[in-house]
N, C-alpha and C. Protein backbone atom coordinates (compact mmCIF):
# COMPACT_ATOMS: atom_id res chain seq x y z
N MET A 1 -22.11 5.51 -24.32
CA MET A 1 -21.90 4.41 -23.41
C MET A 1 -22.39 4.79 -22.01
N PHE A 2 -21.75 5.79 -21.39
CA PHE A 2 -22.19 6.28 -20.09
C PHE A 2 -22.71 7.71 -20.25
N SER A 3 -23.70 8.05 -19.45
CA SER A 3 -24.16 9.43 -19.46
C SER A 3 -23.11 10.30 -18.77
N GLU A 4 -23.20 11.59 -18.99
CA GLU A 4 -22.24 12.52 -18.40
C GLU A 4 -22.27 12.43 -16.87
N ASP A 5 -23.46 12.32 -16.28
CA ASP A 5 -23.59 12.21 -14.82
C ASP A 5 -22.90 10.95 -14.31
N LYS A 6 -23.07 9.86 -15.02
CA LYS A 6 -22.47 8.59 -14.63
C LYS A 6 -20.94 8.70 -14.69
N ARG A 7 -20.43 9.37 -15.71
CA ARG A 7 -18.98 9.56 -15.83
C ARG A 7 -18.44 10.38 -14.67
N ILE A 8 -19.16 11.41 -14.30
CA ILE A 8 -18.73 12.26 -13.18
C ILE A 8 -18.70 11.44 -11.89
N VAL A 9 -19.73 10.65 -11.66
CA VAL A 9 -19.78 9.80 -10.46
C VAL A 9 -18.62 8.82 -10.45
N LEU A 10 -18.37 8.18 -11.59
CA LEU A 10 -17.26 7.22 -11.68
C LEU A 10 -15.92 7.90 -11.47
N LYS A 11 -15.76 9.09 -12.04
CA LYS A 11 -14.51 9.82 -11.87
C LYS A 11 -14.30 10.20 -10.41
N ASN A 12 -15.36 10.65 -9.74
CA ASN A 12 -15.26 11.00 -8.32
C ASN A 12 -14.90 9.78 -7.48
N LYS A 13 -15.49 8.63 -7.81
CA LYS A 13 -15.16 7.40 -7.09
C LYS A 13 -13.69 7.04 -7.29
N LEU A 14 -13.22 7.19 -8.51
CA LEU A 14 -11.83 6.88 -8.81
C LEU A 14 -10.88 7.80 -8.05
N VAL A 15 -11.19 9.08 -8.01
CA VAL A 15 -10.37 10.04 -7.28
C VAL A 15 -10.35 9.67 -5.79
N HIS A 16 -11.50 9.32 -5.25
CA HIS A 16 -11.60 8.92 -3.84
C HIS A 16 -10.74 7.68 -3.58
N GLN A 17 -10.81 6.70 -4.47
CA GLN A 17 -10.03 5.47 -4.31
C GLN A 17 -8.53 5.75 -4.40
N LYS A 18 -8.14 6.64 -5.29
CA LYS A 18 -6.72 7.00 -5.41
C LYS A 18 -6.23 7.64 -4.11
N LYS A 19 -7.05 8.54 -3.55
CA LYS A 19 -6.67 9.18 -2.29
C LYS A 19 -6.53 8.15 -1.18
N ASN A 20 -7.48 7.21 -1.11
CA ASN A 20 -7.40 6.16 -0.10
C ASN A 20 -6.14 5.33 -0.27
N LEU A 21 -5.83 4.98 -1.50
CA LEU A 21 -4.64 4.18 -1.77
C LEU A 21 -3.37 4.94 -1.39
N LEU A 22 -3.31 6.21 -1.74
CA LEU A 22 -2.14 7.01 -1.39
C LEU A 22 -1.99 7.14 0.12
N ASN A 23 -3.11 7.28 0.84
CA ASN A 23 -3.05 7.34 2.30
C ASN A 23 -2.54 6.03 2.88
N LEU A 24 -3.02 4.92 2.35
CA LEU A 24 -2.55 3.61 2.83
C LEU A 24 -1.07 3.41 2.52
N GLN A 25 -0.64 3.85 1.35
CA GLN A 25 0.78 3.73 1.02
C GLN A 25 1.62 4.58 1.96
N SER A 26 1.13 5.73 2.32
CA SER A 26 1.85 6.60 3.24
C SER A 26 1.96 5.95 4.62
N GLU A 27 0.85 5.39 5.11
CA GLU A 27 0.88 4.69 6.39
C GLU A 27 1.85 3.52 6.34
N TYR A 28 1.80 2.78 5.25
CA TYR A 28 2.66 1.61 5.10
C TYR A 28 4.13 2.02 5.09
N SER A 29 4.46 3.11 4.42
CA SER A 29 5.85 3.53 4.34
C SER A 29 6.38 3.99 5.69
N ASN A 30 5.48 4.36 6.60
CA ASN A 30 5.90 4.76 7.94
C ASN A 30 6.21 3.58 8.85
N ILE A 31 5.87 2.39 8.40
CA ILE A 31 6.20 1.20 9.19
C ILE A 31 7.67 0.90 8.97
N SER A 32 8.44 1.00 10.01
CA SER A 32 9.87 0.77 9.86
C SER A 32 10.20 -0.70 10.08
N GLN A 33 11.37 -1.09 9.59
CA GLN A 33 11.84 -2.46 9.78
C GLN A 33 11.95 -2.77 11.27
N LYS A 34 12.38 -1.78 12.05
CA LYS A 34 12.53 -1.98 13.49
C LYS A 34 11.18 -2.23 14.15
N SER A 35 10.15 -1.47 13.77
CA SER A 35 8.84 -1.66 14.39
C SER A 35 8.25 -3.02 14.03
N ILE A 36 8.52 -3.49 12.81
CA ILE A 36 8.05 -4.82 12.42
C ILE A 36 8.74 -5.87 13.29
N GLU A 37 10.05 -5.74 13.41
CA GLU A 37 10.80 -6.71 14.20
C GLU A 37 10.36 -6.70 15.66
N GLU A 38 10.14 -5.52 16.22
CA GLU A 38 9.69 -5.42 17.61
C GLU A 38 8.34 -6.12 17.81
N LYS A 39 7.41 -5.91 16.89
CA LYS A 39 6.09 -6.53 16.99
C LYS A 39 6.19 -8.05 16.89
N LEU A 40 7.03 -8.54 15.99
CA LEU A 40 7.20 -9.99 15.83
C LEU A 40 7.81 -10.62 17.08
N ILE A 41 8.75 -9.92 17.70
CA ILE A 41 9.35 -10.42 18.94
C ILE A 41 8.30 -10.40 20.05
N GLU A 42 7.52 -9.34 20.10
CA GLU A 42 6.48 -9.18 21.13
C GLU A 42 5.48 -10.34 21.11
N ILE A 43 5.16 -10.83 19.92
CA ILE A 43 4.18 -11.93 19.83
C ILE A 43 4.85 -13.30 19.79
N ASN A 44 6.15 -13.33 20.08
CA ASN A 44 6.92 -14.58 20.11
C ASN A 44 6.85 -15.34 18.79
N CYS A 45 7.04 -14.63 17.72
CA CYS A 45 7.01 -15.23 16.39
C CYS A 45 8.27 -16.07 16.18
N PRO A 46 8.13 -17.31 15.69
CA PRO A 46 9.30 -18.14 15.42
C PRO A 46 10.24 -17.46 14.41
N VAL A 47 11.52 -17.75 14.51
CA VAL A 47 12.54 -17.10 13.69
C VAL A 47 12.25 -17.26 12.19
N ASN A 48 11.90 -18.45 11.76
CA ASN A 48 11.63 -18.67 10.33
C ASN A 48 10.47 -17.82 9.84
N GLN A 49 9.41 -17.75 10.62
CA GLN A 49 8.26 -16.93 10.23
C GLN A 49 8.61 -15.45 10.25
N LYS A 50 9.42 -15.06 11.23
CA LYS A 50 9.84 -13.66 11.33
C LYS A 50 10.62 -13.27 10.07
N THR A 51 11.50 -14.14 9.63
CA THR A 51 12.29 -13.88 8.43
C THR A 51 11.39 -13.72 7.21
N ILE A 52 10.41 -14.60 7.09
CA ILE A 52 9.48 -14.54 5.95
C ILE A 52 8.70 -13.22 5.95
N VAL A 53 8.17 -12.84 7.10
CA VAL A 53 7.39 -11.60 7.20
C VAL A 53 8.27 -10.40 6.86
N GLN A 54 9.49 -10.38 7.36
CA GLN A 54 10.39 -9.26 7.07
C GLN A 54 10.71 -9.19 5.58
N GLU A 55 10.92 -10.33 4.94
CA GLU A 55 11.21 -10.35 3.51
C GLU A 55 10.02 -9.85 2.69
N ILE A 56 8.82 -10.22 3.12
CA ILE A 56 7.61 -9.76 2.43
C ILE A 56 7.50 -8.24 2.51
N PHE A 57 7.73 -7.69 3.70
CA PHE A 57 7.66 -6.23 3.85
C PHE A 57 8.73 -5.53 3.03
N LEU A 58 9.94 -6.09 3.02
CA LEU A 58 11.00 -5.49 2.22
C LEU A 58 10.67 -5.52 0.73
N ALA A 59 10.15 -6.64 0.26
CA ALA A 59 9.78 -6.76 -1.15
C ALA A 59 8.65 -5.81 -1.51
N ALA A 60 7.73 -5.61 -0.60
CA ALA A 60 6.58 -4.74 -0.86
C ALA A 60 6.98 -3.27 -0.92
N LYS A 61 8.11 -2.92 -0.33
CA LYS A 61 8.54 -1.53 -0.32
C LYS A 61 9.31 -1.14 -1.57
N VAL A 62 9.57 -2.09 -2.47
CA VAL A 62 10.27 -1.79 -3.71
C VAL A 62 9.36 -0.94 -4.59
N ASN A 63 9.89 0.15 -5.10
CA ASN A 63 9.09 1.05 -5.93
C ASN A 63 8.81 0.42 -7.29
N ASN A 64 7.60 0.61 -7.76
CA ASN A 64 7.21 0.17 -9.09
C ASN A 64 6.77 1.41 -9.85
N SER A 65 7.64 1.91 -10.70
CA SER A 65 7.37 3.18 -11.38
C SER A 65 6.14 3.12 -12.28
N LYS A 66 5.85 1.96 -12.86
CA LYS A 66 4.67 1.85 -13.72
C LYS A 66 3.39 2.03 -12.90
N VAL A 67 3.33 1.40 -11.74
CA VAL A 67 2.16 1.53 -10.87
C VAL A 67 2.05 2.96 -10.37
N ASP A 68 3.17 3.54 -9.94
CA ASP A 68 3.16 4.92 -9.47
C ASP A 68 2.66 5.87 -10.55
N ASP A 69 3.08 5.65 -11.79
CA ASP A 69 2.66 6.50 -12.90
C ASP A 69 1.15 6.39 -13.13
N ILE A 70 0.63 5.18 -13.07
CA ILE A 70 -0.81 4.96 -13.25
C ILE A 70 -1.59 5.66 -12.15
N LEU A 71 -1.11 5.53 -10.90
CA LEU A 71 -1.81 6.14 -9.77
C LEU A 71 -1.80 7.66 -9.85
N MET A 72 -0.70 8.22 -10.26
CA MET A 72 -0.59 9.67 -10.28
C MET A 72 -1.27 10.30 -11.49
N ASN A 73 -1.26 9.60 -12.61
CA ASN A 73 -1.77 10.19 -13.84
C ASN A 73 -3.09 9.61 -14.33
N GLY A 74 -3.57 8.58 -13.62
CA GLY A 74 -4.86 7.99 -14.00
C GLY A 74 -4.72 7.27 -15.26
């Protein structure tokens, strides 16, 4: 199906993408609830929108073990 060189290139791309994703997840996890709230207040975000944004961030921080397993083990 793929030549050995093509497989190596694809594997290297996948490893690079995994590293990028892990870096983004790390940056995201450093965003605290307080910093989100401060930024929303700073831009005069309406209360209803602020609540929605906070709920989205909270939901996004829920761990998904299946996704984590795929990312770590390929």
